[in-house]
Structure formats: C-alpha cells, structure tokens
C-alpha atoms as a PDB file:
ATOM      1  CA  UNK A   1     -46.338  82.311 -92.313  1.00  0.00           C
ATOM      2  CA  UNK A   2     -45.335  80.024 -95.132  1.00  0.00           C
ATOM      3  CA  UNK A   3     -46.312  76.361 -95.535  1.00  0.00           C
ATOM      4  CA  UNK A   4     -44.015  73.934 -97.341  1.00  0.00           C
ATOM      5  CA  UNK A   5     -44.683  70.340 -98.422  1.00  0.00           C
ATOM      6  CA  UNK A   6     -41.728  67.983 -98.733  1.00  0.00           C
ATOM      7  CA  UNK A   7     -41.042  64.296 -99.301  1.00  0.00           C
ATOM      8  CA  UNK A   8     -39.325  62.478 -96.460  1.00  0.00           C
ATOM      9  CA  UNK A   9     -35.848  62.528 -98.018  1.00  0.00           C
ATOM     10  CA  UNK A  10     -35.903  66.313 -98.396  1.00  0.00           C
ATOM     11  CA  UNK A  11     -37.455  66.784 -94.946  1.00  0.00           C
ATOM     12  CA  UNK A  12     -34.688  64.810 -93.245  1.00  0.00           C
ATOM     13  CA  UNK A  13     -32.141  67.522 -94.100  1.00  0.00           C
ATOM     14  CA  UNK A  14     -34.438  70.539 -94.258  1.00  0.00           C
ATOM     15  CA  UNK A  15     -33.116  73.783 -92.870  1.00  0.00           C
ATOM     16  CA  UNK A  16     -34.223  77.356 -93.298  1.00  0.00           C
ATOM     17  CA  UNK A  17     -33.425  80.848 -92.078  1.00  0.00           C
ATOM     18  CA  UNK A  18     -36.739  81.454 -90.291  1.00  0.00           C
ATOM     19  CA  UNK A  19     -38.408  79.677 -87.332  1.00  0.00           C
ATOM     20  CA  UNK A  20     -40.534  76.691 -88.284  1.00  0.00           C
ATOM     21  CA  UNK A  21     -42.540  73.793 -86.953  1.00  0.00           C
ATOM     22  CA  UNK A  22     -42.961  70.426 -88.618  1.00  0.00           C
ATOM     23  CA  UNK A  23     -45.668  67.834 -89.009  1.00  0.00           C
ATOM     24  CA  UNK A  24     -43.828  64.684 -90.052  1.00  0.00           C
ATOM     25  CA  UNK A  25     -45.923  61.794 -91.363  1.00  0.00           C
ATOM     26  CA  UNK A  26     -44.431  58.357 -91.853  1.00  0.00           C
ATOM     27  CA  UNK A  27     -45.843  55.039 -92.919  1.00  0.00           C
ATOM     28  CA  UNK A  28     -46.864  52.905 -89.954  1.00  0.00           C
ATOM     29  CA  UNK A  29     -43.885  51.084 -88.525  1.00  0.00           C
ATOM     30  CA  UNK A  30     -41.337  53.336 -90.218  1.00  0.00           C
ATOM     31  CA  UNK A  31     -38.733  55.107 -88.117  1.00  0.00           C
ATOM     32  CA  UNK A  32     -39.420  58.766 -87.328  1.00  0.00           C
ATOM     33  CA  UNK A  33     -37.267  61.411 -88.947  1.00  0.00           C
ATOM     34  CA  UNK A  34     -33.874  61.896 -87.329  1.00  0.00           C
ATOM     35  CA  UNK A  35     -33.354  64.872 -85.040  1.00  0.00           C
ATOM     36  CA  UNK A  36     -33.105  68.048 -87.096  1.00  0.00           C
ATOM     37  CA  UNK A  37     -29.818  69.909 -87.211  1.00  0.00           C
ATOM     38  CA  UNK A  38     -31.627  73.170 -87.939  1.00  0.00           C
ATOM     39  CA  UNK A  39     -31.587  75.377 -84.824  1.00  0.00           C
ATOM     40  CA  UNK A  40     -34.709  77.196 -86.003  1.00  0.00           C
ATOM     41  CA  UNK A  41     -36.965  74.137 -85.788  1.00  0.00           C
ATOM     42  CA  UNK A  42     -39.216  74.970 -82.837  1.00  0.00           C
ATOM     43  CA  UNK A  43     -41.351  71.839 -82.584  1.00  0.00           C
ATOM     44  CA  UNK A  44     -42.163  68.630 -84.434  1.00  0.00           C
ATOM     45  CA  UNK A  45     -45.226  66.398 -84.396  1.00  0.00           C
ATOM     46  CA  UNK A  46     -44.623  62.868 -85.651  1.00  0.00           C
ATOM     47  CA  UNK A  47     -47.581  60.822 -86.870  1.00  0.00           C
ATOM     48  CA  UNK A  48     -47.741  57.331 -88.350  1.00  0.00           C
ATOM     49  CA  UNK A  49     -50.516  56.432 -90.754  1.00  0.00           C
ATOM     50  CA  UNK A  50     -50.878  54.927 -94.200  1.00  0.00           C
ATOM     51  CA  UNK A  51     -52.063  56.751 -97.297  1.00  0.00           C
ATOM     52  CA  UNK A  52     -55.433  54.997 -97.585  1.00  0.00           C
ATOM     53  CA  UNK A  53     -59.071  56.040 -97.683  1.00  0.00           C
ATOM     54  CA  UNK A  54     -62.347  54.193 -97.060  1.00  0.00           C
ATOM     55  CA  UNK A  55     -62.812  54.224-100.835  1.00  0.00           C
ATOM     56  CA  UNK A  56     -59.615  52.170-101.209  1.00  0.00           C
ATOM     57  CA  UNK A  57     -61.172  49.406 -99.107  1.00  0.00           C
ATOM     58  CA  UNK A  58     -64.312  49.390-101.247  1.00  0.00           C
ATOM     59  CA  UNK A  59     -62.375  49.258-104.517  1.00  0.00           C
ATOM     60  CA  UNK A  60     -59.786  46.685-103.519  1.00  0.00           C
ATOM     61  CA  UNK A  61     -60.234  44.218-100.640  1.00  0.00           C
ATOM     62  CA  UNK A  62     -56.449  43.739-100.487  1.00  0.00           C
ATOM     63  CA  UNK A  63     -56.238  47.184 -98.884  1.00  0.00           C
ATOM     64  CA  UNK A  64     -58.026  45.841 -95.778  1.00  0.00           C
ATOM     65  CA  UNK A  65     -54.654  45.002 -94.267  1.00  0.00           C
ATOM     66  CA  UNK A  66     -54.025  48.762 -93.982  1.00  0.00           C
ATOM     67  CA  UNK A  67     -57.282  49.593 -92.169  1.00  0.00           C
ATOM     68  CA  UNK A  68     -55.704  49.516 -88.675  1.00  0.00           C
ATOM     69  CA  UNK A  69     -53.115  52.035 -89.884  1.00  0.00           C
ATOM     70  CA  UNK A  70     -55.357  54.636 -91.485  1.00  0.00           C
ATOM     71  CA  UNK A  71     -55.649  58.242 -90.305  1.00  0.00           C
ATOM     72  CA  UNK A  72     -58.051  58.602 -87.387  1.00  0.00           C
ATOM     73  CA  UNK A  73     -59.842  61.190 -85.258  1.00  0.00           C
ATOM     74  CA  UNK A  74     -57.219  60.970 -82.508  1.00  0.00           C
ATOM     75  CA  UNK A  75     -54.484  61.955 -84.963  1.00  0.00           C
ATOM     76  CA  UNK A  76     -56.625  64.756 -86.392  1.00  0.00           C
ATOM     77  CA  UNK A  77     -57.015  66.036 -82.837  1.00  0.00           C
ATOM     78  CA  UNK A  78     -53.254  65.871 -82.333  1.00  0.00           C
ATOM     79  CA  UNK A  79     -52.719  68.033 -85.419  1.00  0.00           C
ATOM     80  CA  UNK A  80     -55.269  70.599 -84.255  1.00  0.00           C
ATOM     81  CA  UNK A  81     -53.743  70.721 -80.758  1.00  0.00           C
ATOM     82  CA  UNK A  82     -50.278  71.117 -82.286  1.00  0.00           C
ATOM     83  CA  UNK A  83     -51.448  74.016 -84.445  1.00  0.00           C
ATOM     84  CA  UNK A  84     -53.077  75.606 -81.408  1.00  0.00           C
ATOM     85  CA  UNK A  85     -49.744  75.487 -79.557  1.00  0.00           C
ATOM     86  CA  UNK A  86     -48.175  77.609 -82.309  1.00  0.00           C
ATOM     87  CA  UNK A  87     -50.780  80.197 -83.315  1.00  0.00           C
ATOM     88  CA  UNK A  88     -48.494  82.997 -84.496  1.00  0.00           C
ATOM     89  CA  UNK A  89     -47.977  83.914 -88.105  1.00  0.00           C
ATOM     90  CA  UNK A  90     -44.251  84.269 -87.405  1.00  0.00           C
ATOM     91  CA  UNK A  91     -43.754  80.515 -87.642  1.00  0.00           C
ATOM     92  CA  UNK A  92     -43.438  78.630 -90.931  1.00  0.00           C
ATOM     93  CA  UNK A  93     -44.789  75.106 -91.310  1.00  0.00           C
ATOM     94  CA  UNK A  94     -43.129  72.143 -92.981  1.00  0.00           C
ATOM     95  CA  UNK A  95     -45.343  69.135 -93.623  1.00  0.00           C
ATOM     96  CA  UNK A  96     -43.876  65.952 -94.981  1.00  0.00           C
ATOM     97  CA  UNK A  97     -44.899  62.406 -95.721  1.00  0.00           C
ATOM     98  CA  UNK A  98     -43.028  59.654 -97.513  1.00  0.00           C
ATOM     99  CA  UNK A  99     -43.597  60.996-101.051  1.00  0.00           C
ATOM    100  CA  UNK A 100     -44.712  64.540-100.256  1.00  0.00           C
ATOM    101  CA  UNK A 101     -47.800  64.272-102.452  1.00  0.00           C
ATOM    102  CA  UNK A 102     -50.960  63.062-100.720  1.00  0.00           C
ATOM    103  CA  UNK A 103     -51.000  62.954 -96.913  1.00  0.00           C
ATOM    104  CA  UNK A 104     -48.728  65.957 -96.529  1.00  0.00           C
ATOM    105  CA  UNK A 105     -50.704  67.988 -99.082  1.00  0.00           C
ATOM    106  CA  UNK A 106     -53.938  67.271 -97.201  1.00  0.00           C
ATOM    107  CA  UNK A 107     -52.437  68.328 -93.876  1.00  0.00           C
ATOM    108  CA  UNK A 108     -50.690  71.367 -95.383  1.00  0.00           C
ATOM    109  CA  UNK A 109     -53.927  72.543 -96.996  1.00  0.00           C
ATOM    110  CA  UNK A 110     -55.627  72.173 -93.623  1.00  0.00           C
ATOM    111  CA  UNK A 111     -52.895  74.272 -91.970  1.00  0.00           C
ATOM    112  CA  UNK A 112     -53.542  76.990 -94.558  1.00  0.00           C
ATOM    113  CA  UNK A 113     -57.291  76.827 -93.915  1.00  0.00           C
ATOM    114  CA  UNK A 114     -56.890  76.698 -90.141  1.00  0.00           C
ATOM    115  CA  UNK A 115     -54.827  79.870 -90.090  1.00  0.00           C
ATOM    116  CA  UNK A 116     -56.874  81.540 -92.863  1.00  0.00           C
ATOM    117  CA  UNK A 117     -53.790  81.900 -95.025  1.00  0.00           C
ATOM    118  CA  UNK A 118     -53.970  83.384 -98.506  1.00  0.00           C
ATOM    119  CA  UNK A 119     -51.098  81.138 -99.624  1.00  0.00           C
ATOM    120  CA  UNK A 120     -51.838  79.049-102.708  1.00  0.00           C
ATOM    121  CA  UNK A 121     -53.142  75.561-101.876  1.00  0.00           C
ATOM    122  CA  UNK A 122     -51.281  72.360-102.747  1.00  0.00           C
ATOM    123  CA  UNK A 123     -53.312  71.086-105.699  1.00  0.00           C
ATOM    124  CA  UNK A 124     -53.036  68.749-108.712  1.00  0.00           C
ATOM    125  CA  UNK A 125     -51.186  68.012-110.858  1.00  0.00           C
ATOM    126  CA  UNK A 126     -48.211  68.093-108.468  1.00  0.00           C
ATOM    127  CA  UNK A 127     -50.172  67.248-105.325  1.00  0.00           C
ATOM    128  CA  UNK A 128     -53.050  64.809-104.754  1.00  0.00           C
ATOM    129  CA  UNK A 129     -54.327  65.602-101.270  1.00  0.00           C
ATOM    130  CA  UNK A 130     -55.770  62.565 -99.517  1.00  0.00           C
ATOM    131  CA  UNK A 131     -59.504  63.391 -99.370  1.00  0.00           C
ATOM    132  CA  UNK A 132     -60.143  61.321 -96.249  1.00  0.00           C
ATOM    133  CA  UNK A 133     -57.410  63.102 -94.288  1.00  0.00           C
ATOM    134  CA  UNK A 134     -58.762  66.479 -95.443  1.00  0.00           C
ATOM    135  CA  UNK A 135     -62.335  65.597 -94.527  1.00  0.00           C
ATOM    136  CA  UNK A 136     -61.520  64.206 -91.094  1.00  0.00           C
ATOM    137  CA  UNK A 137     -59.389  67.230 -90.187  1.00  0.00           C
ATOM    138  CA  UNK A 138     -62.228  69.584 -91.131  1.00  0.00           C
ATOM    139  CA  UNK A 139     -64.765  67.514 -89.187  1.00  0.00           C
ATOM    140  CA  UNK A 140     -62.603  67.463 -86.071  1.00  0.00           C
ATOM    141  CA  UNK A 141     -61.908  71.198 -86.300  1.00  0.00           C
ATOM    142  CA  UNK A 142     -65.646  71.874 -86.571  1.00  0.00           C
ATOM    143  CA  UNK A 143     -66.288  69.753 -83.458  1.00  0.00           C
ATOM    144  CA  UNK A 144     -63.490  71.440 -81.545  1.00  0.00           C
ATOM    145  CA  UNK A 145     -64.572  75.011 -82.253  1.00  0.00           C
END
C-alpha cells in the first residue's frame, strides 16, 4: 500500500500502474473531479468541505461564513466507512484537495494511521495537515472501534 497526496489539477489526470482508490476533497460548491480515465481506479469518495478550523473562527470573525462548510463527523464517518470497504494492502490511496497541502495531508496521514502503515507521514514544510480534520477523524475512529 502506498498513499499519495496531490493537488486537484494533478489528481484530475492521475493514472498509475497499480490498483488505487481515491478520496477527493473539493471546496464546497466546486464541481467534483471528472471521471478518471485510469482503468485501475477502483473507487472514489468525493467530499466537499472548506479548509477551516474552529481556531480560524476565533482568530478572524470573517471566517464565520465558512462554518456551515467545515469538515464534520458525518464526513469523518464516510471516510472511515470507505477505508473499511477497501481493507487490503494491495490497494494504493490517492488523496487530493484543491492545493494538496492541508486537508489532503490530514486525511492521508489518517489513512496511514488507520492501516498501520510504516510509510512516512505528510509533514511540514511541504504539507500542513489541517489539525481539526486530523483530530475529528481520530475521534470518530475511536468511537467506531
């Protein structure tokens, strides 16, 4: 199993030689990724949420307009259920968001943790995993199992 993080533009045309599944994250209201031309894509989960945290609302009231579009427990549950549908190590994972830096890194790191992978985590300086997404995924996984 290998986990890859990509920005949206790279994810739209992603193809690879091995079977893979994708968690595609877009900003709320943005069109989902087009259908993949790669015949080895086995399944795709599309989620819409903004890259915000509760801390953003405390620091800047202007962020309040994004509150209805933040990551939630229902979406965390969808990710966990999606991972549970594909439990084998023979499947690679591609996780993307708009920039491929924050939301996707948080979800990709969770995928690595969930499957107890020894693969290197997606960390700074290249990645800035959204701490709220990471925390909520861990909380939901703990409640589920």
